[in-house]
Amino acid sequence: MRRGDAEKPDPLQVNDDFIRTMSVNGVLMDGALEFVQKVKNEIADARIYIASNGATVNAKGRIASTGLDRYIDGLFVSEDMGVTKPDARFFDICLERIGEPKETCIMIGDSLSSDMLGAKNASLASVWFMPSGDVAEAVKAYDIDYCASSFDELCAILKKWSGQSVP
């Protein structure tokens, strides 16, 4: 057999295999699962939804592989919705499906370009979860309501935002 005669891989199959492999390899930041449990236990009527750009099989699989699926109330994935963050329509669809007005929802995200810009575009309150970065410039540019650099700080912000007193 001459060099180059071997069958070339199908790029679509390679992509599909890659996404399926990623879908079983979710990794959470240290303390993330405990944070979600704390929110559910300590903030009355808290509901947690995940909003993600990307492939549905990947998002669902990664969330399930971490155990996070036991604590969330729903998942919104751009592939299913036909629109991606930061488009305000993404958030409008989410709000319509959960049946909540904007004033009762807050977007927590780590991405300035999709999460924070999306919250701004949709006129939603926002928390930028950022362990590091140029905070002052980002807050101004993206009209961010709150910033948190740890899960404890994030939980305190959510309690305050929800009207609970924070010790």
Protein backbone atom coordinates (compact mmCIF):
# COMPACT_ATOMS: atom_id res chain seq x y z
CA MET A 1 0.00 0.00 0.00
CA ARG A 2 1.32 3.39 -0.91
CA ARG A 3 1.53 6.22 1.54
CA GLY A 4 -1.69 8.24 1.49
CA ASP A 5 -3.85 5.30 0.40
CA ALA A 6 -5.24 4.79 3.90
CA GLU A 7 -8.83 5.82 4.44
CA LYS A 8 -9.08 9.36 5.71
CA PRO A 9 -11.18 9.97 8.83
CA ASP A 10 -14.58 11.56 8.42
CA PRO A 11 -14.31 15.07 9.96
CA LEU A 12 -17.94 15.01 11.08
CA GLN A 13 -17.41 11.68 12.86
CA VAL A 14 -14.23 12.99 14.50
CA ASN A 15 -16.15 16.03 15.73
CA ASP A 16 -19.02 13.86 17.01
CA ASP A 17 -16.59 11.57 18.83
CA PHE A 18 -14.83 14.57 20.35
CA ILE A 19 -18.08 16.09 21.65
CA ARG A 20 -19.23 12.76 23.11
CA THR A 21 -15.86 12.29 24.83
CA MET A 22 -16.04 15.79 26.29
CA SER A 23 -19.59 15.14 27.46
CA VAL A 24 -18.49 12.58 30.03
CA ASN A 25 -15.60 14.63 31.39
CA GLY A 26 -17.16 17.52 33.29
CA VAL A 27 -14.95 19.22 35.85
CA LEU A 28 -16.22 21.58 38.54
CA MET A 29 -14.21 24.21 40.32
CA ASP A 30 -13.39 23.27 43.91
CA GLY A 31 -16.36 24.20 46.06
CA ALA A 32 -18.87 24.54 43.20
CA LEU A 33 -21.09 21.62 44.18
CA GLU A 34 -21.11 22.72 47.82
CA PHE A 35 -22.01 26.24 46.68
CA VAL A 36 -25.03 25.02 44.71
CA GLN A 37 -26.16 22.89 47.65
CA LYS A 38 -25.81 25.89 49.97
CA VAL A 39 -27.85 28.13 47.67
CA LYS A 40 -30.62 25.52 47.51
CA ASN A 41 -30.60 25.05 51.29
CA GLU A 42 -30.17 28.63 52.46
CA ILE A 43 -31.99 30.86 49.96
CA ALA A 44 -35.75 30.42 50.07
CA ASP A 45 -37.33 29.47 46.75
CA ALA A 46 -33.99 29.61 44.91
CA ARG A 47 -34.02 27.96 41.54
CA ILE A 48 -30.86 27.31 39.59
CA TYR A 49 -30.70 27.12 35.82
CA ILE A 50 -27.68 26.68 33.61
CA ALA A 51 -27.41 28.71 30.41
CA SER A 52 -24.75 27.48 28.03
CA ASN A 53 -23.56 28.05 24.50
CA GLY A 54 -22.63 24.88 22.67
CA ALA A 55 -23.76 21.35 21.96
CA THR A 56 -26.61 19.88 24.01
CA VAL A 57 -25.08 16.41 24.34
CA ASN A 58 -21.90 18.01 25.67
CA ALA A 59 -23.66 20.25 28.19
CA LYS A 60 -26.00 17.55 29.51
CA GLY A 61 -23.25 14.96 29.76
CA ARG A 62 -20.76 17.22 31.51
CA ILE A 63 -23.36 18.39 34.02
CA ALA A 64 -24.46 14.81 34.74
CA SER A 65 -20.86 13.60 35.09
CA THR A 66 -20.26 16.12 37.89
CA GLY A 67 -23.46 15.40 39.84
CA LEU A 68 -24.61 18.98 39.34
CA ASP A 69 -27.73 17.76 37.53
CA ARG A 70 -29.26 16.77 40.91
CA TYR A 71 -29.33 20.42 42.01
CA ILE A 72 -30.38 22.39 38.94
CA ASP A 73 -33.91 23.20 37.89
CA GLY A 74 -33.22 23.36 34.19
CA LEU A 75 -30.71 23.68 31.39
CA PHE A 76 -30.76 26.04 28.43
CA VAL A 77 -28.36 25.25 25.61
CA SER A 78 -27.89 27.42 22.55
CA GLU A 79 -28.00 24.44 20.18
CA ASP A 80 -31.58 23.68 21.31
CA MET A 81 -32.63 27.31 21.41
CA GLY A 82 -31.37 28.41 18.01
CA VAL A 83 -29.68 31.49 19.44
CA THR A 84 -26.52 32.05 21.47
CA LYS A 85 -25.53 34.26 24.35
CA PRO A 86 -25.03 37.27 24.38
CA ASP A 87 -28.15 37.71 22.21
CA ALA A 88 -31.00 39.05 24.36
CA ARG A 89 -33.34 36.55 22.66
CA PHE A 90 -31.47 33.70 24.40
CA PHE A 91 -32.41 35.16 27.78
CA ASP A 92 -35.95 36.03 26.67
CA ILE A 93 -36.51 32.36 25.79
CA CYS A 94 -35.10 31.27 29.16
CA LEU A 95 -37.37 33.65 31.06
CA GLU A 96 -40.41 32.59 29.04
CA ARG A 97 -39.73 28.90 29.70
CA ILE A 98 -39.22 29.32 33.44
CA GLY A 99 -42.13 31.71 33.74
CA GLU A 100 -40.35 34.40 35.71
CA PRO A 101 -40.08 38.15 35.23
CA LYS A 102 -36.61 39.63 34.76
CA GLU A 103 -36.71 41.32 38.14
CA THR A 104 -36.68 37.95 39.93
CA CYS A 105 -33.68 36.56 38.04
CA ILE A 106 -29.96 37.19 38.21
CA MET A 107 -27.33 35.97 35.75
CA ILE A 108 -24.15 34.57 37.27
CA GLY A 109 -21.36 33.98 34.81
CA ASP A 110 -17.65 33.90 34.25
CA SER A 111 -17.60 35.13 30.67
CA LEU A 112 -17.66 38.84 29.97
CA SER A 113 -18.44 38.41 26.28
CA SER A 114 -21.36 35.99 26.59
CA ASP A 115 -22.68 36.03 30.18
CA MET A 116 -22.20 39.62 31.29
CA LEU A 117 -22.83 41.17 27.89
CA GLY A 118 -25.85 38.90 27.51
CA ALA A 119 -27.25 39.98 30.88
CA LYS A 120 -26.71 43.61 29.91
CA ASN A 121 -28.39 43.07 26.52
CA ALA A 122 -31.36 41.42 28.22
CA SER A 123 -31.56 43.98 31.07
CA LEU A 124 -30.93 41.32 33.71
CA ALA A 125 -29.13 41.78 37.01
CA SER A 126 -25.69 40.19 36.84
CA VAL A 127 -22.88 38.78 38.95
CA TRP A 128 -19.49 38.29 37.36
CA PHE A 129 -17.75 35.37 39.02
CA MET A 130 -14.13 36.23 38.42
CA PRO A 131 -11.27 34.88 40.47
CA SER A 132 -8.97 37.40 38.72
CA GLY A 133 -8.96 40.09 36.07
CA ASP A 134 -9.30 43.83 35.47
CA VAL A 135 -12.41 44.18 37.58
CA ALA A 136 -12.92 47.95 37.46
CA GLU A 137 -12.72 48.18 33.66
CA ALA A 138 -15.00 45.18 33.14
CA VAL A 139 -17.64 46.42 35.57
CA LYS A 140 -17.79 49.74 33.73
CA ALA A 141 -17.72 48.28 30.21
CA TYR A 142 -20.32 45.59 30.83
CA ASP A 143 -22.53 47.39 33.38
CA ILE A 144 -22.08 44.53 35.87
CA ASP A 145 -24.17 44.78 39.03
CA TYR A 146 -22.01 42.63 41.34
CA CYS A 147 -18.63 40.90 41.33
CA ALA A 148 -17.57 37.87 43.34
CA SER A 149 -14.16 36.26 43.58
CA SER A 150 -15.15 33.29 45.78
CA PHE A 151 -18.16 31.07 46.31
CA ASP A 152 -18.65 32.50 49.82
CA GLU A 153 -18.74 36.02 48.39
CA LEU A 154 -21.11 34.88 45.64
CA CYS A 155 -23.46 33.28 48.18
CA ALA A 156 -23.50 36.48 50.27
CA ILE A 157 -24.35 38.53 47.16
CA LEU A 158 -27.20 36.17 46.27
CA LYS A 159 -28.60 36.27 49.80
CA LYS A 160 -28.50 40.07 49.82
CA TRP A 161 -29.97 40.31 46.31
CA SER A 162 -32.80 37.91 47.26
CA GLY A 163 -33.66 40.07 50.28
CA GLN A 164 -32.22 37.81 52.95
CA SER A 165 -30.13 39.31 55.70
CA VAL A 166 -26.46 38.40 55.53
CA PRO A 167 -24.63 37.82 58.83
